[in-house]
Amino acid sequence: MSSSLESHYTTVKRILRYLKGALHSGLVLYPVLSHQPLSIGAFCDSGWALDPDDRRSNSGAAVYVGPNLVS
């Protein structure tokens, strides 16, 4: 703050414009009912060199805590 430059001001304006445009975006978290145990679930999928052109493998995973996707 003591030696800010014009580029810092420009960057802050860009961040604020982004946040203004993303007001309705967000992550919805649902509460876990107190009488139910907390559950953790993980799911994964992979394709081992299914593309005949480049033979690359790909994979993905999802981790849930209760009803909420966390990773």
PDB file of N, CA and C in Angstrom:
ATOM      1  N   MET A   1       0.813  -1.180   0.000  1.00  0.00           N
ATOM      2  CA  MET A   1       0.000   0.000   0.000  1.00  0.00           C
ATOM      3  C   MET A   1       0.867   1.259   0.000  1.00  0.00           C
ATOM      4  N   SER A   2       2.049   1.191   0.548  1.00  0.00           N
ATOM      5  CA  SER A   2       2.861   2.405   0.641  1.00  0.00           C
ATOM      6  C   SER A   2       3.491   2.790  -0.694  1.00  0.00           C
ATOM      7  N   SER A   3       3.695   1.830  -1.577  1.00  0.00           N
ATOM      8  CA  SER A   3       4.307   2.154  -2.874  1.00  0.00           C
ATOM      9  C   SER A   3       3.550   1.481  -4.011  1.00  0.00           C
ATOM     10  N   SER A   4       2.240   1.693  -4.033  1.00  0.00           N
ATOM     11  CA  SER A   4       1.437   1.063  -5.082  1.00  0.00           C
ATOM     12  C   SER A   4       1.644   1.781  -6.408  1.00  0.00           C
ATOM     13  N   LEU A   5       1.518   1.011  -7.470  1.00  0.00           N
ATOM     14  CA  LEU A   5       1.721   1.531  -8.819  1.00  0.00           C
ATOM     15  C   LEU A   5       0.395   1.542  -9.574  1.00  0.00           C
ATOM     16  N   GLU A   6       0.404   2.139 -10.741  1.00  0.00           N
ATOM     17  CA  GLU A   6      -0.784   2.158 -11.593  1.00  0.00           C
ATOM     18  C   GLU A   6      -1.213   0.735 -11.960  1.00  0.00           C
ATOM     19  N   SER A   7      -0.257  -0.173 -12.129  1.00  0.00           N
ATOM     20  CA  SER A   7      -0.593  -1.560 -12.471  1.00  0.00           C
ATOM     21  C   SER A   7      -1.355  -2.235 -11.327  1.00  0.00           C
ATOM     22  N   HIS A   8      -1.060  -1.889 -10.090  1.00  0.00           N
ATOM     23  CA  HIS A   8      -1.807  -2.441  -8.955  1.00  0.00           C
ATOM     24  C   HIS A   8      -3.257  -1.959  -8.985  1.00  0.00           C
ATOM     25  N   TYR A   9      -3.435  -0.673  -9.250  1.00  0.00           N
ATOM     26  CA  TYR A   9      -4.780  -0.111  -9.328  1.00  0.00           C
ATOM     27  C   TYR A   9      -5.576  -0.779 -10.450  1.00  0.00           C
ATOM     28  N   THR A  10      -4.942  -0.983 -11.587  1.00  0.00           N
ATOM     29  CA  THR A  10      -5.597  -1.642 -12.723  1.00  0.00           C
ATOM     30  C   THR A  10      -5.985  -3.077 -12.371  1.00  0.00           C
ATOM     31  N   THR A  11      -5.122  -3.781 -11.667  1.00  0.00           N
ATOM     32  CA  THR A  11      -5.400  -5.161 -11.268  1.00  0.00           C
ATOM     33  C   THR A  11      -6.563  -5.219 -10.287  1.00  0.00           C
ATOM     34  N   VAL A  12      -6.610  -4.307  -9.340  1.00  0.00           N
ATOM     35  CA  VAL A  12      -7.717  -4.275  -8.374  1.00  0.00           C
ATOM     36  C   VAL A  12      -9.031  -3.993  -9.093  1.00  0.00           C
ATOM     37  N   LYS A  13      -9.023  -3.064 -10.053  1.00  0.00           N
ATOM     38  CA  LYS A  13     -10.241  -2.792 -10.816  1.00  0.00           C
ATOM     39  C   LYS A  13     -10.700  -4.022 -11.585  1.00  0.00           C
ATOM     40  N   ARG A  14      -9.764  -4.770 -12.144  1.00  0.00           N
ATOM     41  CA  ARG A  14     -10.119  -5.979 -12.893  1.00  0.00           C
ATOM     42  C   ARG A  14     -10.728  -7.032 -11.968  1.00  0.00           C
ATOM     43  N   ILE A  15     -10.159  -7.199 -10.783  1.00  0.00           N
ATOM     44  CA  ILE A  15     -10.690  -8.156  -9.806  1.00  0.00           C
ATOM     45  C   ILE A  15     -12.101  -7.761  -9.382  1.00  0.00           C
ATOM     46  N   LEU A  16     -12.311  -6.481  -9.112  1.00  0.00           N
ATOM     47  CA  LEU A  16     -13.637  -6.015  -8.706  1.00  0.00           C
ATOM     48  C   LEU A  16     -14.664  -6.192  -9.812  1.00  0.00           C
ATOM     49  N   ARG A  17     -14.271  -5.953 -11.082  1.00  0.00           N
ATOM     50  CA  ARG A  17     -15.194  -6.191 -12.195  1.00  0.00           C
ATOM     51  C   ARG A  17     -15.560  -7.668 -12.298  1.00  0.00           C
ATOM     52  N   TYR A  18     -14.580  -8.538 -12.095  1.00  0.00           N
ATOM     53  CA  TYR A  18     -14.843  -9.980 -12.123  1.00  0.00           C
ATOM     54  C   TYR A  18     -15.819 -10.362 -11.017  1.00  0.00           C
ATOM     55  N   LEU A  19     -15.584  -9.886  -9.804  1.00  0.00           N
ATOM     56  CA  LEU A  19     -16.461 -10.216  -8.683  1.00  0.00           C
ATOM     57  C   LEU A  19     -17.873  -9.688  -8.898  1.00  0.00           C
ATOM     58  N   LYS A  20     -17.998  -8.499  -9.479  1.00  0.00           N
ATOM     59  CA  LYS A  20     -19.314  -7.940  -9.761  1.00  0.00           C
ATOM     60  C   LYS A  20     -20.081  -8.821 -10.751  1.00  0.00           C
ATOM     61  N   GLY A  21     -19.375  -9.366 -11.734  1.00  0.00           N
ATOM     62  CA  GLY A  21     -20.019 -10.224 -12.724  1.00  0.00           C
ATOM     63  C   GLY A  21     -20.307 -11.621 -12.219  1.00  0.00           C
ATOM     64  N   ALA A  22     -19.695 -12.022 -11.115  1.00  0.00           N
ATOM     65  CA  ALA A  22     -19.848 -13.385 -10.599  1.00  0.00           C
ATOM     66  C   ALA A  22     -20.651 -13.427  -9.303  1.00  0.00           C
ATOM     67  N   LEU A  23     -21.486 -12.410  -9.068  1.00  0.00           N
ATOM     68  CA  LEU A  23     -22.244 -12.360  -7.817  1.00  0.00           C
ATOM     69  C   LEU A  23     -23.204 -13.532  -7.659  1.00  0.00           C
ATOM     70  N   HIS A  24     -23.754 -14.001  -8.758  1.00  0.00           N
ATOM     71  CA  HIS A  24     -24.742 -15.077  -8.666  1.00  0.00           C
ATOM     72  C   HIS A  24     -24.113 -16.459  -8.797  1.00  0.00           C
ATOM     73  N   SER A  25     -22.811 -16.527  -8.922  1.00  0.00           N
ATOM     74  CA  SER A  25     -22.111 -17.804  -8.937  1.00  0.00           C
ATOM     75  C   SER A  25     -21.725 -18.156  -7.518  1.00  0.00           C
ATOM     76  N   GLY A  26     -21.669 -19.413  -7.239  1.00  0.00           N
ATOM     77  CA  GLY A  26     -21.250 -19.786  -5.899  1.00  0.00           C
ATOM     78  C   GLY A  26     -21.329 -21.282  -5.683  1.00  0.00           C
ATOM     79  N   LEU A  27     -20.934 -21.674  -4.529  1.00  0.00           N
ATOM     80  CA  LEU A  27     -20.935 -23.066  -4.130  1.00  0.00           C
ATOM     81  C   LEU A  27     -22.034 -23.244  -3.094  1.00  0.00           C
ATOM     82  N   VAL A  28     -22.946 -24.145  -3.359  1.00  0.00           N
ATOM     83  CA  VAL A  28     -24.053 -24.393  -2.443  1.00  0.00           C
ATOM     84  C   VAL A  28     -23.685 -25.569  -1.540  1.00  0.00           C
ATOM     85  N   LEU A  29     -23.677 -25.340  -0.253  1.00  0.00           N
ATOM     86  CA  LEU A  29     -23.399 -26.395   0.718  1.00  0.00           C
ATOM     87  C   LEU A  29     -24.671 -26.696   1.486  1.00  0.00           C
ATOM     88  N   TYR A  30     -25.001 -27.955   1.588  1.00  0.00           N
ATOM     89  CA  TYR A  30     -26.205 -28.380   2.285  1.00  0.00           C
ATOM     90  C   TYR A  30     -25.826 -28.900   3.665  1.00  0.00           C
ATOM     91  N   PRO A  31     -26.629 -28.605   4.675  1.00  0.00           N
ATOM     92  CA  PRO A  31     -26.304 -29.090   6.024  1.00  0.00           C
ATOM     93  C   PRO A  31     -26.552 -30.588   6.146  1.00  0.00           C
ATOM     94  N   VAL A  32     -25.786 -31.211   7.003  1.00  0.00           N
ATOM     95  CA  VAL A  32     -25.976 -32.619   7.314  1.00  0.00           C
ATOM     96  C   VAL A  32     -26.877 -32.683   8.541  1.00  0.00           C
ATOM     97  N   LEU A  33     -27.902 -33.495   8.468  1.00  0.00           N
ATOM     98  CA  LEU A  33     -28.828 -33.603   9.595  1.00  0.00           C
ATOM     99  C   LEU A  33     -28.107 -34.183  10.810  1.00  0.00           C
ATOM    100  N   SER A  34     -28.435 -33.662  11.973  1.00  0.00           N
ATOM    101  CA  SER A  34     -27.696 -34.049  13.183  1.00  0.00           C
ATOM    102  C   SER A  34     -27.937 -35.507  13.584  1.00  0.00           C
ATOM    103  N   HIS A  35     -29.066 -36.079  13.201  1.00  0.00           N
ATOM    104  CA  HIS A  35     -29.335 -37.463  13.592  1.00  0.00           C
ATOM    105  C   HIS A  35     -28.758 -38.483  12.598  1.00  0.00           C
ATOM    106  N   GLN A  36     -28.109 -38.018  11.542  1.00  0.00           N
ATOM    107  CA  GLN A  36     -27.487 -38.922  10.579  1.00  0.00           C
ATOM    108  C   GLN A  36     -25.964 -38.872  10.732  1.00  0.00           C
ATOM    109  N   PRO A  37     -25.285 -39.997  10.583  1.00  0.00           N
ATOM    110  CA  PRO A  37     -23.816 -39.970  10.657  1.00  0.00           C
ATOM    111  C   PRO A  37     -23.234 -39.273   9.421  1.00  0.00           C
ATOM    112  N   LEU A  38     -22.104 -38.641   9.601  1.00  0.00           N
ATOM    113  CA  LEU A  38     -21.421 -37.970   8.500  1.00  0.00           C
ATOM    114  C   LEU A  38     -20.796 -39.022   7.588  1.00  0.00           C
ATOM    115  N   SER A  39     -21.081 -38.920   6.322  1.00  0.00           N
ATOM    116  CA  SER A  39     -20.542 -39.899   5.380  1.00  0.00           C
ATOM    117  C   SER A  39     -19.537 -39.238   4.451  1.00  0.00           C
ATOM    118  N   ILE A  40     -18.536 -40.001   4.065  1.00  0.00           N
ATOM    119  CA  ILE A  40     -17.539 -39.552   3.106  1.00  0.00           C
ATOM    120  C   ILE A  40     -17.541 -40.560   1.967  1.00  0.00           C
ATOM    121  N   GLY A  41     -17.681 -40.063   0.757  1.00  0.00           N
ATOM    122  CA  GLY A  41     -17.697 -40.942  -0.411  1.00  0.00           C
ATOM    123  C   GLY A  41     -16.740 -40.433  -1.470  1.00  0.00           C
ATOM    124  N   ALA A  42     -16.084 -41.345  -2.147  1.00  0.00           N
ATOM    125  CA  ALA A  42     -15.159 -40.983  -3.221  1.00  0.00           C
ATOM    126  C   ALA A  42     -15.432 -41.861  -4.430  1.00  0.00           C
ATOM    127  N   PHE A  43     -15.404 -41.256  -5.588  1.00  0.00           N
ATOM    128  CA  PHE A  43     -15.654 -41.966  -6.830  1.00  0.00           C
ATOM    129  C   PHE A  43     -14.571 -41.591  -7.827  1.00  0.00           C
ATOM    130  N   CYS A  44     -14.145 -42.546  -8.628  1.00  0.00           N
ATOM    131  CA  CYS A  44     -13.132 -42.235  -9.641  1.00  0.00           C
ATOM    132  C   CYS A  44     -13.436 -43.009 -10.922  1.00  0.00           C
ATOM    133  N   ASP A  45     -12.898 -42.500 -12.001  1.00  0.00           N
ATOM    134  CA  ASP A  45     -13.061 -43.129 -13.300  1.00  0.00           C
ATOM    135  C   ASP A  45     -11.782 -42.871 -14.088  1.00  0.00           C
ATOM    136  N   SER A  46     -11.424 -43.817 -14.922  1.00  0.00           N
ATOM    137  CA  SER A  46     -10.217 -43.631 -15.727  1.00  0.00           C
ATOM    138  C   SER A  46     -10.370 -44.331 -17.066  1.00  0.00           C
ATOM    139  N   GLY A  47      -9.668 -43.807 -18.025  1.00  0.00           N
ATOM    140  CA  GLY A  47      -9.609 -44.410 -19.345  1.00  0.00           C
ATOM    141  C   GLY A  47      -8.146 -44.649 -19.684  1.00  0.00           C
ATOM    142  N   TRP A  48      -7.784 -45.876 -19.825  1.00  0.00           N
ATOM    143  CA  TRP A  48      -6.377 -46.220 -20.041  1.00  0.00           C
ATOM    144  C   TRP A  48      -6.078 -46.312 -21.532  1.00  0.00           C
ATOM    145  N   ALA A  49      -5.560 -45.229 -22.073  1.00  0.00           N
ATOM    146  CA  ALA A  49      -5.108 -45.166 -23.468  1.00  0.00           C
ATOM    147  C   ALA A  49      -6.205 -45.566 -24.451  1.00  0.00           C
ATOM    148  N   LEU A  50      -7.392 -45.017 -24.259  1.00  0.00           N
ATOM    149  CA  LEU A  50      -8.504 -45.369 -25.139  1.00  0.00           C
ATOM    150  C   LEU A  50      -8.455 -44.641 -26.475  1.00  0.00           C
ATOM    151  N   ASP A  51      -7.789 -43.491 -26.527  1.00  0.00           N
ATOM    152  CA  ASP A  51      -7.690 -42.760 -27.780  1.00  0.00           C
ATOM    153  C   ASP A  51      -6.590 -43.384 -28.634  1.00  0.00           C
ATOM    154  N   PRO A  52      -6.917 -43.943 -29.792  1.00  0.00           N
ATOM    155  CA  PRO A  52      -5.897 -44.627 -30.589  1.00  0.00           C
ATOM    156  C   PRO A  52      -4.868 -43.675 -31.210  1.00  0.00           C
ATOM    157  N   ASP A  53      -5.171 -42.367 -31.260  1.00  0.00           N
ATOM    158  CA  ASP A  53      -4.240 -41.417 -31.874  1.00  0.00           C
ATOM    159  C   ASP A  53      -3.073 -41.066 -30.963  1.00  0.00           C
ATOM    160  N   ASP A  54      -3.338 -40.808 -29.689  1.00  0.00           N
ATOM    161  CA  ASP A  54      -2.235 -40.377 -28.828  1.00  0.00           C
ATOM    162  C   ASP A  54      -1.961 -41.324 -27.656  1.00  0.00           C
ATOM    163  N   ARG A  55      -2.819 -42.299 -27.412  1.00  0.00           N
ATOM    164  CA  ARG A  55      -2.634 -43.297 -26.358  1.00  0.00           C
ATOM    165  C   ARG A  55      -2.407 -42.691 -24.969  1.00  0.00           C
ATOM    166  N   ARG A  56      -3.063 -41.564 -24.708  1.00  0.00           N
ATOM    167  CA  ARG A  56      -2.954 -40.940 -23.388  1.00  0.00           C
ATOM    168  C   ARG A  56      -4.040 -41.473 -22.465  1.00  0.00           C
ATOM    169  N   SER A  57      -3.701 -41.585 -21.210  1.00  0.00           N
ATOM    170  CA  SER A  57      -4.662 -42.003 -20.206  1.00  0.00           C
ATOM    171  C   SER A  57      -5.254 -40.765 -19.547  1.00  0.00           C
ATOM    172  N   ASN A  58      -6.514 -40.852 -19.151  1.00  0.00           N
ATOM    173  CA  ASN A  58      -7.124 -39.750 -18.425  1.00  0.00           C
ATOM    174  C   ASN A  58      -7.928 -40.313 -17.265  1.00  0.00           C
ATOM    175  N   SER A  59      -8.128 -39.481 -16.263  1.00  0.00           N
ATOM    176  CA  SER A  59      -8.871 -39.933 -15.093  1.00  0.00           C
ATOM    177  C   SER A  59      -9.549 -38.747 -14.433  1.00  0.00           C
ATOM    178  N   GLY A  60     -10.497 -39.036 -13.565  1.00  0.00           N
ATOM    179  CA  GLY A  60     -11.200 -38.009 -12.811  1.00  0.00           C
ATOM    180  C   GLY A  60     -11.682 -38.588 -11.500  1.00  0.00           C
ATOM    181  N   ALA A  61     -11.935 -37.709 -10.539  1.00  0.00           N
ATOM    182  CA  ALA A  61     -12.382 -38.166  -9.228  1.00  0.00           C
ATOM    183  C   ALA A  61     -13.322 -37.141  -8.621  1.00  0.00           C
ATOM    184  N   ALA A  62     -14.199 -37.595  -7.747  1.00  0.00           N
ATOM    185  CA  ALA A  62     -15.113 -36.735  -7.003  1.00  0.00           C
ATOM    186  C   ALA A  62     -15.159 -37.226  -5.559  1.00  0.00           C
ATOM    187  N   VAL A  63     -15.052 -36.293  -4.623  1.00  0.00           N
ATOM    188  CA  VAL A  63     -15.098 -36.627  -3.198  1.00  0.00           C
ATOM    189  C   VAL A  63     -16.255 -35.858  -2.569  1.00  0.00           C
ATOM    190  N   TYR A  64     -17.105 -36.574  -1.864  1.00  0.00           N
ATOM    191  CA  TYR A  64     -18.266 -35.993  -1.194  1.00  0.00           C
ATOM    192  C   TYR A  64     -18.109 -36.128   0.318  1.00  0.00           C
ATOM    193  N   VAL A  65     -18.468 -35.065   1.034  1.00  0.00           N
ATOM    194  CA  VAL A  65     -18.602 -35.122   2.486  1.00  0.00           C
ATOM    195  C   VAL A  65     -20.080 -34.841   2.755  1.00  0.00           C
ATOM    196  N   GLY A  66     -20.775 -35.863   3.218  1.00  0.00           N
ATOM    197  CA  GLY A  66     -22.227 -35.744   3.323  1.00  0.00           C
ATOM    198  C   GLY A  66     -22.784 -35.583   1.919  1.00  0.00           C
ATOM    199  N   PRO A  67     -23.704 -34.629   1.711  1.00  0.00           N
ATOM    200  CA  PRO A  67     -24.258 -34.417   0.370  1.00  0.00           C
ATOM    201  C   PRO A  67     -23.460 -33.418  -0.448  1.00  0.00           C
ATOM    202  N   ASN A  68     -22.332 -32.944   0.059  1.00  0.00           N
ATOM    203  CA  ASN A  68     -21.598 -31.854  -0.588  1.00  0.00           C
ATOM    204  C   ASN A  68     -20.357 -32.350  -1.327  1.00  0.00           C
ATOM    205  N   LEU A  69     -20.228 -31.910  -2.575  1.00  0.00           N
ATOM    206  CA  LEU A  69     -19.034 -32.195  -3.370  1.00  0.00           C
ATOM    207  C   LEU A  69     -17.927 -31.249  -2.902  1.00  0.00           C
ATOM    208  N   VAL A  70     -16.809 -31.802  -2.442  1.00  0.00           N
ATOM    209  CA  VAL A  70     -15.723 -30.971  -1.929  1.00  0.00           C
ATOM    210  C   VAL A  70     -14.461 -31.033  -2.782  1.00  0.00           C
ATOM    211  N   SER A  71     -14.338 -32.047  -3.609  1.00  0.00           N
ATOM    212  CA  SER A  71     -13.148 -32.135  -4.461  1.00  0.00           C
ATOM    213  C   SER A  71     -13.482 -32.922  -5.711  1.00  0.00           C
TER     214      SER A  71
END
